[in-house]
Amino acid sequence: MDNWIFLGDFNSYRSLNDRNRPGGSVQDTMVFNDAIGHLGLVELPLKGRAFTWSNMQANPLLEQLDWFFTSVNWTASFPNTQVVPLAKITPDHIPCNVGIHTKIPKASIFRFESFWAEMAGFQDIVQESWGHVSNHTNAANVLSSKLKHLRYNLKNWSRLFSNAKVYIANCNTVILHLDALEEIRALYNPECNLRNIVKAHLAGILRARNLY
C-alpha cells in the first residue's frame, strides 16, 4: 500500500463517546468501524479536541465527525504525523492542520550539479582529487577511492555557492559603490581592477544560476 492520507467529514462516529450527549446508533458505529478495518486504515488521532462538529446552538450538540486515516506505510515513514485543531470562527466544523514530521535520519545524498563545471576552481578540484594516492592495489578499489575523495572535495567546495543571493547582493553593492565613486573622481587602478574582478565573479555566478 502506498503512502497517503484520507481525511474528511464522514458524518459518522466510531463510538457513542464521540458525542457529548447520549444517543446515536450503535449499529452505525459498527458499520463504520467494520469498513475501516476492512480497508486497513490507520487512524491519525486528533490532539487537543474531543469533537470536530457543533450544531452552533446555545447548548450545543458536539460530535466527532471528521476523521483522518492513513496507511501502515505512512505511519512507518512519518511516525510523528499529527492532526492539530485550529480555531473555529464561523463554520460548524473545526479546521484541522495535518503536520507531517519524522525523526528518521535521511541519508546524505551527493548530487552533482551541471553548472559546477562552469565555475572557477572546478577543474582544480577535480585534478587534485583524481591525483589522490590510494593505498589499494585493486583497480576497482583505486577507482572507488578516487571517486569518494572527489565527492568529498566537491561537497565542501560546493558550499561556497549555498548562499548565492547574499553573494550577488554583496557584489552589486561593491560595483554600485565604485560606480558612484567614479562619478566624483577617476578610479585608481586598484579600484578599477577590483570592479572588473567583482563583475567577472558576478557574471559567473549569474550564468551558473541560470544554468541551474
N, C-alpha and C. Protein backbone atom coordinates (compact mmCIF):
# COMPACT_ATOMS: atom_id res chain seq x y z
N MET A 1 0.85 -1.20 0.00
CA MET A 1 0.00 0.00 0.00
C MET A 1 0.88 1.24 0.00
N ASP A 2 0.51 2.22 -0.80
CA ASP A 2 1.29 3.43 -0.93
C ASP A 2 1.09 4.34 0.28
N ASN A 3 1.94 5.39 0.34
CA ASN A 3 1.78 6.40 1.37
C ASN A 3 0.68 7.38 0.98
N TRP A 4 -0.28 7.58 1.85
CA TRP A 4 -1.36 8.52 1.57
C TRP A 4 -2.07 8.87 2.87
N ILE A 5 -2.86 9.95 2.82
CA ILE A 5 -3.72 10.35 3.93
C ILE A 5 -5.12 10.55 3.37
N PHE A 6 -6.10 9.97 4.05
CA PHE A 6 -7.51 10.03 3.65
C PHE A 6 -8.25 10.78 4.76
N LEU A 7 -8.84 11.91 4.46
CA LEU A 7 -9.46 12.72 5.50
C LEU A 7 -10.74 13.35 4.99
N GLY A 8 -11.60 13.76 5.96
CA GLY A 8 -12.82 14.45 5.57
C GLY A 8 -13.93 14.29 6.60
N ASP A 9 -15.06 14.85 6.26
CA ASP A 9 -16.27 14.76 7.09
C ASP A 9 -17.01 13.48 6.71
N PHE A 10 -16.93 12.47 7.55
CA PHE A 10 -17.56 11.18 7.27
C PHE A 10 -19.00 11.12 7.79
N ASN A 11 -19.39 12.13 8.57
CA ASN A 11 -20.73 12.19 9.13
C ASN A 11 -21.06 10.92 9.93
N SER A 12 -20.03 10.33 10.50
CA SER A 12 -20.19 9.12 11.32
C SER A 12 -19.19 9.18 12.46
N TYR A 13 -19.44 8.43 13.51
CA TYR A 13 -18.51 8.36 14.62
C TYR A 13 -18.22 6.91 14.94
N ARG A 14 -17.09 6.68 15.60
CA ARG A 14 -16.61 5.33 15.85
C ARG A 14 -17.12 4.77 17.17
N SER A 15 -17.59 5.65 18.04
CA SER A 15 -18.05 5.24 19.36
C SER A 15 -19.14 6.20 19.81
N LEU A 16 -20.03 5.74 20.67
CA LEU A 16 -21.05 6.63 21.22
C LEU A 16 -20.44 7.71 22.10
N ASN A 17 -19.19 7.52 22.50
CA ASN A 17 -18.48 8.55 23.26
C ASN A 17 -18.01 9.69 22.38
N ASP A 18 -18.19 9.56 21.05
CA ASP A 18 -17.78 10.61 20.14
C ASP A 18 -18.86 11.69 20.00
N ARG A 19 -19.72 11.82 20.99
CA ARG A 19 -20.70 12.89 21.07
C ARG A 19 -20.89 13.26 22.54
N ASN A 20 -21.27 14.50 22.78
CA ASN A 20 -21.35 14.96 24.17
C ASN A 20 -22.70 14.69 24.82
N ARG A 21 -23.63 14.05 24.11
CA ARG A 21 -24.95 13.74 24.66
C ARG A 21 -25.25 12.26 24.40
N PRO A 22 -26.04 11.68 25.23
CA PRO A 22 -26.46 10.30 24.97
C PRO A 22 -27.25 10.22 23.67
N GLY A 23 -27.19 9.07 23.06
CA GLY A 23 -27.92 8.88 21.81
C GLY A 23 -27.00 8.29 20.75
N GLY A 24 -27.46 8.33 19.53
CA GLY A 24 -26.69 7.78 18.45
C GLY A 24 -27.04 6.33 18.19
N SER A 25 -26.48 5.77 17.15
CA SER A 25 -26.78 4.42 16.73
C SER A 25 -25.54 3.53 16.86
N VAL A 26 -25.68 2.49 17.70
CA VAL A 26 -24.58 1.53 17.84
C VAL A 26 -24.35 0.80 16.52
N GLN A 27 -25.43 0.52 15.79
CA GLN A 27 -25.31 -0.18 14.53
C GLN A 27 -24.49 0.62 13.52
N ASP A 28 -24.70 1.93 13.49
CA ASP A 28 -23.94 2.78 12.56
C ASP A 28 -22.44 2.78 12.91
N THR A 29 -22.12 2.81 14.20
CA THR A 29 -20.70 2.80 14.59
C THR A 29 -20.06 1.47 14.20
N MET A 30 -20.79 0.38 14.31
CA MET A 30 -20.24 -0.93 13.96
C MET A 30 -19.96 -1.01 12.46
N VAL A 31 -20.89 -0.49 11.66
CA VAL A 31 -20.69 -0.50 10.20
C VAL A 31 -19.48 0.34 9.82
N PHE A 32 -19.37 1.52 10.46
CA PHE A 32 -18.25 2.41 10.16
C PHE A 32 -16.91 1.77 10.54
N ASN A 33 -16.83 1.16 11.72
CA ASN A 33 -15.59 0.52 12.17
C ASN A 33 -15.25 -0.71 11.33
N ASP A 34 -16.29 -1.45 10.88
CA ASP A 34 -16.04 -2.60 10.01
C ASP A 34 -15.42 -2.16 8.69
N ALA A 35 -15.89 -1.04 8.15
CA ALA A 35 -15.34 -0.52 6.88
C ALA A 35 -13.90 -0.08 7.06
N ILE A 36 -13.60 0.54 8.20
CA ILE A 36 -12.23 0.97 8.48
C ILE A 36 -11.30 -0.23 8.58
N GLY A 37 -11.75 -1.27 9.30
CA GLY A 37 -10.94 -2.47 9.43
C GLY A 37 -10.76 -3.20 8.12
N HIS A 38 -11.79 -3.25 7.32
CA HIS A 38 -11.72 -3.96 6.03
C HIS A 38 -10.73 -3.28 5.09
N LEU A 39 -10.67 -1.96 5.14
CA LEU A 39 -9.76 -1.22 4.26
C LEU A 39 -8.35 -1.12 4.82
N GLY A 40 -8.14 -1.57 6.05
CA GLY A 40 -6.82 -1.50 6.66
C GLY A 40 -6.37 -0.08 6.97
N LEU A 41 -7.32 0.78 7.34
CA LEU A 41 -6.98 2.18 7.61
C LEU A 41 -6.41 2.33 9.01
N VAL A 42 -5.49 3.27 9.15
CA VAL A 42 -4.89 3.60 10.45
C VAL A 42 -5.34 5.02 10.81
N GLU A 43 -5.97 5.18 11.96
CA GLU A 43 -6.47 6.49 12.34
C GLU A 43 -5.35 7.39 12.86
N LEU A 44 -5.36 8.62 12.40
CA LEU A 44 -4.48 9.65 12.95
C LEU A 44 -5.29 10.41 14.00
N PRO A 45 -4.96 10.30 15.27
CA PRO A 45 -5.78 10.90 16.32
C PRO A 45 -5.70 12.43 16.30
N LEU A 46 -6.81 13.05 16.68
CA LEU A 46 -6.87 14.50 16.81
C LEU A 46 -6.37 14.89 18.19
N LYS A 47 -5.39 15.76 18.25
CA LYS A 47 -4.79 16.14 19.53
C LYS A 47 -5.45 17.41 20.06
N GLY A 48 -5.88 17.34 21.32
CA GLY A 48 -6.36 18.54 21.99
C GLY A 48 -7.84 18.82 21.88
N ARG A 49 -8.58 18.02 21.11
CA ARG A 49 -10.02 18.21 20.99
C ARG A 49 -10.69 16.85 20.96
N ALA A 50 -11.88 16.80 21.52
CA ALA A 50 -12.64 15.55 21.51
C ALA A 50 -13.68 15.53 20.40
N PHE A 51 -14.08 16.71 19.91
CA PHE A 51 -15.14 16.79 18.91
C PHE A 51 -14.73 17.77 17.81
N THR A 52 -15.28 17.56 16.61
CA THR A 52 -14.94 18.41 15.46
C THR A 52 -16.15 19.12 14.87
N TRP A 53 -17.34 18.82 15.37
CA TRP A 53 -18.55 19.44 14.80
C TRP A 53 -19.44 19.94 15.91
N SER A 54 -20.12 21.06 15.65
CA SER A 54 -21.06 21.64 16.60
C SER A 54 -22.30 22.10 15.84
N ASN A 55 -23.48 21.96 16.47
CA ASN A 55 -24.69 22.48 15.83
C ASN A 55 -24.87 23.98 16.08
N MET A 56 -23.89 24.57 16.77
CA MET A 56 -23.80 26.02 16.96
C MET A 56 -24.98 26.58 17.75
N GLN A 57 -25.55 25.79 18.63
CA GLN A 57 -26.64 26.25 19.48
C GLN A 57 -26.08 26.74 20.82
N ALA A 58 -26.96 27.34 21.66
CA ALA A 58 -26.52 27.82 22.96
C ALA A 58 -26.02 26.67 23.83
N ASN A 59 -26.72 25.57 23.79
CA ASN A 59 -26.28 24.34 24.46
C ASN A 59 -25.98 23.32 23.37
N PRO A 60 -24.81 23.38 22.78
CA PRO A 60 -24.58 22.69 21.50
C PRO A 60 -24.47 21.18 21.64
N LEU A 61 -24.84 20.54 20.54
CA LEU A 61 -24.52 19.13 20.34
C LEU A 61 -23.16 19.07 19.68
N LEU A 62 -22.23 18.35 20.32
CA LEU A 62 -20.87 18.22 19.80
C LEU A 62 -20.62 16.78 19.39
N GLU A 63 -20.00 16.61 18.22
CA GLU A 63 -19.72 15.27 17.73
C GLU A 63 -18.36 15.24 17.03
N GLN A 64 -17.77 14.04 17.02
CA GLN A 64 -16.55 13.81 16.25
C GLN A 64 -16.97 13.19 14.93
N LEU A 65 -17.03 14.03 13.89
CA LEU A 65 -17.47 13.57 12.58
C LEU A 65 -16.36 13.60 11.53
N ASP A 66 -15.30 14.35 11.82
CA ASP A 66 -14.18 14.47 10.89
C ASP A 66 -13.08 13.50 11.31
N TRP A 67 -12.61 12.72 10.33
CA TRP A 67 -11.63 11.67 10.65
C TRP A 67 -10.46 11.76 9.69
N PHE A 68 -9.33 11.24 10.17
CA PHE A 68 -8.08 11.29 9.41
C PHE A 68 -7.47 9.90 9.44
N PHE A 69 -7.34 9.31 8.26
CA PHE A 69 -6.82 7.94 8.16
C PHE A 69 -5.62 7.91 7.22
N THR A 70 -4.77 6.93 7.43
CA THR A 70 -3.61 6.75 6.57
C THR A 70 -3.29 5.27 6.47
N SER A 71 -2.13 4.97 5.88
CA SER A 71 -1.71 3.59 5.69
C SER A 71 -0.62 3.21 6.68
N VAL A 72 -0.37 1.92 6.79
CA VAL A 72 0.71 1.44 7.66
C VAL A 72 2.05 1.96 7.16
N ASN A 73 2.22 2.00 5.84
CA ASN A 73 3.48 2.52 5.28
C ASN A 73 3.72 3.97 5.66
N TRP A 74 2.64 4.76 5.67
CA TRP A 74 2.78 6.17 6.03
C TRP A 74 3.24 6.31 7.48
N THR A 75 2.60 5.58 8.39
CA THR A 75 2.96 5.70 9.81
C THR A 75 4.39 5.24 10.05
N ALA A 76 4.88 4.30 9.22
CA ALA A 76 6.27 3.86 9.36
C ALA A 76 7.24 4.92 8.84
N SER A 77 6.85 5.61 7.75
CA SER A 77 7.72 6.62 7.16
C SER A 77 7.66 7.94 7.91
N PHE A 78 6.47 8.28 8.43
CA PHE A 78 6.27 9.56 9.11
C PHE A 78 5.56 9.31 10.45
N PRO A 79 6.27 8.72 11.40
CA PRO A 79 5.64 8.31 12.66
C PRO A 79 5.16 9.47 13.52
N ASN A 80 5.66 10.67 13.28
CA ASN A 80 5.28 11.82 14.11
C ASN A 80 4.21 12.69 13.45
N THR A 81 3.48 12.16 12.48
CA THR A 81 2.39 12.91 11.87
C THR A 81 1.32 13.21 12.92
N GLN A 82 0.90 14.47 12.98
CA GLN A 82 -0.08 14.90 13.98
C GLN A 82 -1.21 15.67 13.33
N VAL A 83 -2.39 15.54 13.91
CA VAL A 83 -3.55 16.32 13.50
C VAL A 83 -3.88 17.28 14.62
N VAL A 84 -3.77 18.57 14.36
CA VAL A 84 -3.97 19.59 15.39
C VAL A 84 -5.15 20.46 15.00
N PRO A 85 -6.11 20.68 15.90
CA PRO A 85 -7.26 21.54 15.59
C PRO A 85 -6.87 23.01 15.57
N LEU A 86 -7.55 23.75 14.70
CA LEU A 86 -7.35 25.18 14.62
C LEU A 86 -8.59 25.90 15.14
N ALA A 87 -8.52 27.21 15.20
CA ALA A 87 -9.64 27.98 15.74
C ALA A 87 -10.84 27.91 14.80
N LYS A 88 -11.99 27.65 15.34
CA LYS A 88 -13.24 27.64 14.56
C LYS A 88 -13.87 29.02 14.64
N ILE A 89 -14.05 29.66 13.52
CA ILE A 89 -14.56 31.03 13.51
C ILE A 89 -16.05 31.04 13.16
N THR A 90 -16.42 30.60 11.96
CA THR A 90 -17.84 30.61 11.57
C THR A 90 -18.40 29.24 11.21
N PRO A 91 -17.65 28.33 10.59
CA PRO A 91 -18.26 27.06 10.17
C PRO A 91 -18.64 26.19 11.37
N ASP A 92 -19.43 25.18 11.09
CA ASP A 92 -19.80 24.25 12.16
C ASP A 92 -18.75 23.18 12.37
N HIS A 93 -17.84 23.01 11.42
CA HIS A 93 -16.72 22.08 11.57
C HIS A 93 -15.45 22.87 11.91
N ILE A 94 -14.64 22.33 12.78
CA ILE A 94 -13.38 23.00 13.10
C ILE A 94 -12.35 22.65 12.03
N PRO A 95 -11.56 23.61 11.61
CA PRO A 95 -10.46 23.29 10.67
C PRO A 95 -9.34 22.57 11.42
N CYS A 96 -8.66 21.71 10.71
CA CYS A 96 -7.56 20.94 11.31
C CYS A 96 -6.33 21.03 10.43
N ASN A 97 -5.19 20.97 11.06
CA ASN A 97 -3.91 21.01 10.36
C ASN A 97 -3.20 19.67 10.55
N VAL A 98 -2.84 19.05 9.43
CA VAL A 98 -2.09 17.79 9.47
C VAL A 98 -0.61 18.12 9.34
N GLY A 99 0.13 17.93 10.43
CA GLY A 99 1.57 18.19 10.42
C GLY A 99 2.34 16.91 10.17
N ILE A 100 3.17 16.93 9.14
CA ILE A 100 3.92 15.73 8.75
C ILE A 100 5.37 15.91 9.20
N HIS A 101 5.78 15.12 10.16
CA HIS A 101 7.12 15.21 10.70
C HIS A 101 7.71 13.81 10.80
N THR A 102 9.02 13.74 10.78
CA THR A 102 9.70 12.48 11.01
C THR A 102 11.06 12.74 11.61
N LYS A 103 11.48 11.86 12.50
CA LYS A 103 12.81 11.94 13.08
C LYS A 103 13.73 10.85 12.54
N ILE A 104 13.22 10.14 11.53
CA ILE A 104 14.04 9.09 10.91
C ILE A 104 15.15 9.76 10.12
N PRO A 105 16.41 9.46 10.42
CA PRO A 105 17.50 10.13 9.70
C PRO A 105 17.50 9.75 8.22
N LYS A 106 17.80 10.74 7.40
CA LYS A 106 17.86 10.52 5.96
C LYS A 106 19.32 10.48 5.51
N ALA A 107 19.56 9.66 4.54
CA ALA A 107 20.93 9.53 4.04
C ALA A 107 21.34 10.81 3.35
N SER A 108 22.60 11.15 3.48
CA SER A 108 23.14 12.33 2.82
C SER A 108 23.49 11.94 1.38
N ILE A 109 22.69 12.40 0.45
CA ILE A 109 22.85 12.02 -0.95
C ILE A 109 23.68 13.08 -1.67
N PHE A 110 24.68 12.63 -2.40
CA PHE A 110 25.52 13.54 -3.17
C PHE A 110 24.90 13.74 -4.55
N ARG A 111 24.69 14.99 -4.91
CA ARG A 111 24.14 15.31 -6.23
C ARG A 111 25.11 16.23 -6.96
N PHE A 112 25.52 15.82 -8.14
CA PHE A 112 26.41 16.64 -8.96
C PHE A 112 25.56 17.60 -9.78
N GLU A 113 25.89 18.89 -9.69
CA GLU A 113 25.17 19.91 -10.44
C GLU A 113 25.97 20.27 -11.69
N SER A 114 25.28 20.33 -12.82
CA SER A 114 25.96 20.55 -14.10
C SER A 114 26.66 21.90 -14.16
N PHE A 115 26.12 22.92 -13.44
CA PHE A 115 26.73 24.24 -13.54
C PHE A 115 28.08 24.32 -12.83
N TRP A 116 28.41 23.32 -12.01
CA TRP A 116 29.71 23.35 -11.33
C TRP A 116 30.86 23.42 -12.34
N ALA A 117 30.68 22.74 -13.47
CA ALA A 117 31.75 22.69 -14.46
C ALA A 117 32.06 24.07 -15.02
N GLU A 118 31.12 25.03 -14.87
CA GLU A 118 31.33 26.38 -15.37
C GLU A 118 32.00 27.28 -14.34
N MET A 119 32.14 26.79 -13.11
CA MET A 119 32.65 27.64 -12.04
C MET A 119 34.16 27.59 -11.95
N ALA A 120 34.74 28.74 -11.58
CA ALA A 120 36.19 28.80 -11.39
C ALA A 120 36.59 27.89 -10.23
N GLY A 121 37.64 27.14 -10.44
CA GLY A 121 38.14 26.25 -9.39
C GLY A 121 37.69 24.82 -9.52
N PHE A 122 36.69 24.58 -10.38
CA PHE A 122 36.17 23.21 -10.52
C PHE A 122 37.24 22.27 -11.06
N GLN A 123 37.91 22.69 -12.11
CA GLN A 123 38.92 21.83 -12.72
C GLN A 123 40.05 21.53 -11.73
N ASP A 124 40.40 22.51 -10.92
CA ASP A 124 41.46 22.30 -9.92
C ASP A 124 41.05 21.26 -8.89
N ILE A 125 39.78 21.32 -8.48
CA ILE A 125 39.28 20.35 -7.50
C ILE A 125 39.32 18.95 -8.09
N VAL A 126 38.89 18.82 -9.33
CA VAL A 126 38.88 17.51 -9.98
C VAL A 126 40.30 16.97 -10.14
N GLN A 127 41.19 17.83 -10.59
CA GLN A 127 42.58 17.40 -10.81
C GLN A 127 43.24 16.98 -9.51
N GLU A 128 43.04 17.77 -8.45
CA GLU A 128 43.65 17.43 -7.17
C GLU A 128 43.07 16.13 -6.61
N SER A 129 41.75 15.97 -6.74
CA SER A 129 41.09 14.78 -6.20
C SER A 129 41.50 13.53 -6.98
N TRP A 130 41.61 13.66 -8.28
CA TRP A 130 41.94 12.50 -9.09
C TRP A 130 43.41 12.11 -8.93
N GLY A 131 44.22 13.06 -8.49
CA GLY A 131 45.62 12.74 -8.23
C GLY A 131 45.84 12.17 -6.84
N HIS A 132 44.77 11.99 -6.08
CA HIS A 132 44.88 11.42 -4.74
C HIS A 132 45.48 10.02 -4.80
N VAL A 133 46.49 9.78 -3.99
CA VAL A 133 47.17 8.48 -3.97
C VAL A 133 46.40 7.52 -3.08
N SER A 134 46.06 6.39 -3.65
CA SER A 134 45.31 5.38 -2.91
C SER A 134 46.23 4.26 -2.46
N ASN A 135 45.93 3.67 -1.31
CA ASN A 135 46.71 2.55 -0.78
C ASN A 135 46.26 1.21 -1.35
N HIS A 136 45.18 1.24 -2.11
CA HIS A 136 44.66 -0.01 -2.67
C HIS A 136 45.49 -0.43 -3.89
N THR A 137 45.48 -1.71 -4.14
CA THR A 137 46.18 -2.25 -5.31
C THR A 137 45.19 -2.71 -6.38
N ASN A 138 43.99 -3.08 -5.95
CA ASN A 138 42.97 -3.49 -6.90
C ASN A 138 42.45 -2.27 -7.67
N ALA A 139 42.34 -2.39 -8.98
CA ALA A 139 41.95 -1.26 -9.82
C ALA A 139 40.57 -0.72 -9.46
N ALA A 140 39.65 -1.62 -9.18
CA ALA A 140 38.29 -1.19 -8.82
C ALA A 140 38.29 -0.41 -7.51
N ASN A 141 39.08 -0.88 -6.54
CA ASN A 141 39.16 -0.18 -5.26
C ASN A 141 39.84 1.18 -5.40
N VAL A 142 40.85 1.25 -6.27
CA VAL A 142 41.51 2.53 -6.53
C VAL A 142 40.53 3.54 -7.12
N LEU A 143 39.74 3.09 -8.10
CA LEU A 143 38.75 3.96 -8.72
C LEU A 143 37.71 4.42 -7.70
N SER A 144 37.24 3.47 -6.89
CA SER A 144 36.26 3.81 -5.86
C SER A 144 36.81 4.83 -4.87
N SER A 145 38.08 4.67 -4.48
CA SER A 145 38.70 5.59 -3.55
C SER A 145 38.81 6.99 -4.14
N LYS A 146 39.18 7.08 -5.42
CA LYS A 146 39.29 8.38 -6.07
C LYS A 146 37.94 9.07 -6.19
N LEU A 147 36.91 8.30 -6.51
CA LEU A 147 35.58 8.87 -6.63
C LEU A 147 35.06 9.38 -5.28
N LYS A 148 35.34 8.63 -4.22
CA LYS A 148 34.92 9.07 -2.88
C LYS A 148 35.66 10.35 -2.48
N HIS A 149 36.94 10.41 -2.81
CA HIS A 149 37.72 11.61 -2.48
C HIS A 149 37.21 12.81 -3.27
N LEU A 150 36.85 12.59 -4.53
CA LEU A 150 36.32 13.67 -5.36
C LEU A 150 34.96 14.13 -4.82
N ARG A 151 34.13 13.19 -4.44
CA ARG A 151 32.82 13.55 -3.88
C ARG A 151 32.98 14.39 -2.62
N TYR A 152 33.88 14.00 -1.75
CA TYR A 152 34.10 14.74 -0.51
C TYR A 152 34.56 16.17 -0.79
N ASN A 153 35.51 16.31 -1.70
CA ASN A 153 36.04 17.64 -2.02
C ASN A 153 35.00 18.52 -2.72
N LEU A 154 34.20 17.92 -3.60
CA LEU A 154 33.19 18.70 -4.31
C LEU A 154 32.08 19.16 -3.35
N LYS A 155 31.73 18.32 -2.39
CA LYS A 155 30.70 18.72 -1.42
C LYS A 155 31.18 19.91 -0.61
N ASN A 156 32.43 19.89 -0.17
CA ASN A 156 32.97 21.02 0.59
C ASN A 156 33.08 22.27 -0.29
N TRP A 157 33.53 22.08 -1.53
CA TRP A 157 33.70 23.20 -2.44
C TRP A 157 32.35 23.83 -2.81
N SER A 158 31.31 23.00 -2.97
CA SER A 158 30.00 23.50 -3.40
C SER A 158 29.33 24.34 -2.33
N ARG A 159 29.78 24.25 -1.10
CA ARG A 159 29.18 25.07 -0.04
C ARG A 159 29.42 26.55 -0.28
N LEU A 160 30.40 26.87 -1.11
CA LEU A 160 30.66 28.27 -1.44
C LEU A 160 29.48 28.90 -2.16
N PHE A 161 28.63 28.08 -2.79
CA PHE A 161 27.50 28.60 -3.57
C PHE A 161 26.17 28.42 -2.86
N SER A 162 26.21 28.04 -1.59
CA SER A 162 24.97 27.76 -0.86
C SER A 162 24.20 29.02 -0.52
N ASN A 163 24.86 30.18 -0.57
CA ASN A 163 24.19 31.43 -0.25
C ASN A 163 24.39 32.41 -1.40
N ALA A 164 23.91 32.03 -2.57
CA ALA A 164 24.16 32.81 -3.78
C ALA A 164 23.51 34.19 -3.72
N LYS A 165 22.34 34.30 -3.09
CA LYS A 165 21.66 35.60 -3.04
C LYS A 165 22.49 36.63 -2.30
N VAL A 166 23.06 36.23 -1.18
CA VAL A 166 23.89 37.15 -0.41
C VAL A 166 25.13 37.52 -1.21
N TYR A 167 25.72 36.54 -1.88
CA TYR A 167 26.91 36.77 -2.69
C TYR A 167 26.61 37.77 -3.80
N ILE A 168 25.47 37.60 -4.49
CA ILE A 168 25.09 38.51 -5.58
C ILE A 168 24.84 39.91 -5.04
N ALA A 169 24.15 40.00 -3.91
CA ALA A 169 23.87 41.31 -3.31
C ALA A 169 25.16 42.03 -2.93
N ASN A 170 26.11 41.30 -2.37
CA ASN A 170 27.39 41.91 -1.99
C ASN A 170 28.16 42.40 -3.20
N CYS A 171 28.15 41.61 -4.27
CA CYS A 171 28.84 42.03 -5.49
C CYS A 171 28.21 43.29 -6.05
N ASN A 172 26.88 43.33 -6.07
CA ASN A 172 26.19 44.52 -6.59
C ASN A 172 26.50 45.75 -5.74
N THR A 173 26.61 45.57 -4.44
CA THR A 173 26.92 46.70 -3.55
C THR A 173 28.29 47.28 -3.86
N VAL A 174 29.27 46.39 -4.05
CA VAL A 174 30.63 46.85 -4.35
C VAL A 174 30.67 47.58 -5.68
N ILE A 175 30.01 46.99 -6.69
CA ILE A 175 30.03 47.61 -8.02
C ILE A 175 29.34 48.98 -8.00
N LEU A 176 28.19 49.06 -7.34
CA LEU A 176 27.46 50.33 -7.27
C LEU A 176 28.27 51.39 -6.53
N HIS A 177 28.96 50.97 -5.48
CA HIS A 177 29.78 51.93 -4.72
C HIS A 177 30.91 52.47 -5.58
N LEU A 178 31.56 51.60 -6.32
CA LEU A 178 32.65 52.05 -7.18
C LEU A 178 32.15 52.89 -8.34
N ASP A 179 30.95 52.54 -8.88
CA ASP A 179 30.37 53.37 -9.94
C ASP A 179 30.04 54.77 -9.43
N ALA A 180 29.51 54.85 -8.21
CA ALA A 180 29.19 56.16 -7.63
C ALA A 180 30.46 56.95 -7.37
N LEU A 181 31.50 56.26 -6.92
CA LEU A 181 32.77 56.94 -6.68
C LEU A 181 33.35 57.48 -7.98
N GLU A 182 33.13 56.75 -9.06
CA GLU A 182 33.65 57.16 -10.36
C GLU A 182 32.98 58.44 -10.86
N GLU A 183 31.76 58.71 -10.40
CA GLU A 183 31.08 59.93 -10.78
C GLU A 183 31.70 61.17 -10.12
N ILE A 184 32.45 60.93 -9.03
CA ILE A 184 33.07 62.04 -8.30
C ILE A 184 34.50 62.27 -8.77
N ARG A 185 35.18 61.16 -8.99
CA ARG A 185 36.58 61.25 -9.41
C ARG A 185 36.94 60.01 -10.20
N ALA A 186 38.10 60.08 -10.86
CA ALA A 186 38.57 58.91 -11.61
C ALA A 186 39.02 57.83 -10.64
N LEU A 187 38.69 56.59 -10.98
CA LEU A 187 39.09 55.47 -10.12
C LEU A 187 40.58 55.20 -10.27
N TYR A 188 41.20 54.81 -9.18
CA TYR A 188 42.59 54.38 -9.22
C TYR A 188 42.65 52.99 -9.85
N ASN A 189 43.82 52.62 -10.31
CA ASN A 189 43.97 51.31 -10.95
C ASN A 189 43.51 50.15 -10.07
N PRO A 190 43.88 50.12 -8.77
CA PRO A 190 43.38 49.02 -7.92
C PRO A 190 41.86 48.98 -7.84
N GLU A 191 41.23 50.17 -7.84
CA GLU A 191 39.77 50.22 -7.78
C GLU A 191 39.16 49.70 -9.07
N CYS A 192 39.75 50.07 -10.20
CA CYS A 192 39.27 49.55 -11.49
C CYS A 192 39.42 48.04 -11.57
N ASN A 193 40.57 47.55 -11.12
CA ASN A 193 40.81 46.10 -11.14
C ASN A 193 39.82 45.37 -10.25
N LEU A 194 39.56 45.95 -9.08
CA LEU A 194 38.60 45.33 -8.16
C LEU A 194 37.22 45.24 -8.80
N ARG A 195 36.79 46.32 -9.41
CA ARG A 195 35.47 46.31 -10.05
C ARG A 195 35.39 45.28 -11.17
N ASN A 196 36.46 45.17 -11.96
CA ASN A 196 36.47 44.18 -13.04
C ASN A 196 36.40 42.76 -12.49
N ILE A 197 37.14 42.52 -11.41
CA ILE A 197 37.14 41.18 -10.81
C ILE A 197 35.76 40.84 -10.26
N VAL A 198 35.16 41.81 -9.56
CA VAL A 198 33.83 41.57 -8.98
C VAL A 198 32.80 41.35 -10.08
N LYS A 199 32.89 42.14 -11.14
CA LYS A 199 31.96 41.96 -12.26
C LYS A 199 32.09 40.58 -12.88
N ALA A 200 33.34 40.12 -13.02
CA ALA A 200 33.57 38.79 -13.61
C ALA A 200 32.99 37.70 -12.72
N HIS A 201 33.21 37.83 -11.41
CA HIS A 201 32.66 36.84 -10.48
C HIS A 201 31.13 36.88 -10.50
N LEU A 202 30.56 38.07 -10.54
CA LEU A 202 29.10 38.20 -10.55
C LEU A 202 28.52 37.59 -11.83
N ALA A 203 29.16 37.86 -12.95
CA ALA A 203 28.69 37.28 -14.21
C ALA A 203 28.74 35.76 -14.17
N GLY A 204 29.79 35.23 -13.54
CA GLY A 204 29.92 33.78 -13.43
C GLY A 204 28.82 33.16 -12.59
N ILE A 205 28.51 33.75 -11.44
CA ILE A 205 27.50 33.18 -10.56
C ILE A 205 26.12 33.32 -11.15
N LEU A 206 25.86 34.41 -11.89
CA LEU A 206 24.57 34.59 -12.54
C LEU A 206 24.40 33.59 -13.68
N ARG A 207 25.46 33.35 -14.43
CA ARG A 207 25.41 32.38 -15.51
C ARG A 207 25.18 30.98 -14.96
N ALA A 208 25.87 30.68 -13.85
CA ALA A 208 25.70 29.36 -13.24
C ALA A 208 24.29 29.18 -12.71
N ARG A 209 23.73 30.24 -12.11
CA ARG A 209 22.38 30.13 -11.57
C ARG A 209 21.36 29.92 -12.67
N ASN A 210 21.57 30.57 -13.83
CA ASN A 210 20.68 30.38 -14.96
C ASN A 210 20.76 28.95 -15.50
N LEU A 211 21.98 28.40 -15.53
CA LEU A 211 22.14 27.02 -15.96
C LEU A 211 21.47 26.08 -15.00
N TYR A 212 21.55 26.38 -13.72
CA TYR A 212 20.96 25.53 -12.69
C TYR A 212 19.44 25.54 -12.80
